[in-house]
Amino acid sequence: MRKFLIIVIFLLLLLLIGWLFSLIPLELSSEKISLIEEEKDTKLTNVWIFVYFSQSIKAQPELVTVINNPTELRSMSNWIASGIQTSLPANLLLKSVYIIDFEYSRNDKVVNHQYFMYVESSNEDYYIKEFDSMKDYYLDKYDDCLGYQLLNIIGRDNWYLASMSDFYSTISKLLLKR
């Protein structure tokens, strides 16, 4: 009887400890995408969204929308910062490649840009990664092979798994009009 009581108390303690640990939020990575801090008189004024099209005669990527509504800008900032750090899967099959340009201004003058590549896989996983400059990513034309080359240039590490966002549904509607 005494052994049974000790086992029951031990199991209850394990159950209590498990419950306490479930109250602690699980964070897969302590690193998040950091946006440029808005300093005094400097603010995020525009988000430019570009997409690479494989069947286009235009230079790539093509501008599909510009976001400048303050509520939508905050939403984009929160979405970007919510990604979970990961690496791109080795067997990633590309569906779409985007470039997102965060533009910061002070006194109505652009003072900084922050660039992100956003990738949608055929499995409908979404990845995002910051990079330095857009000039290396302008192309005369685009195809899927070039998409994989872009990913190799930018690197397959230090990406962030992103959720599908409101901006994505907006972009999808624009793309359907093409």
Foldseek 3Di string as FASTA:
>chain_A
DVVVVVVVVVVVVVVVVVVVVVVDDDAQDPDFDDDDDADVQKDFAKKWKWWADQPDQAKPTHTQDMDGDVVVVVQVVVQRRPFHFDFADPPFAFDIKMKIWTFMDGPPHTDDIWIKIWTATPVRWIKIDTDDDCPVVIGSHDDRVVVVVVCVVRDRGGITTGDDGPVNVVSVVSVVVD
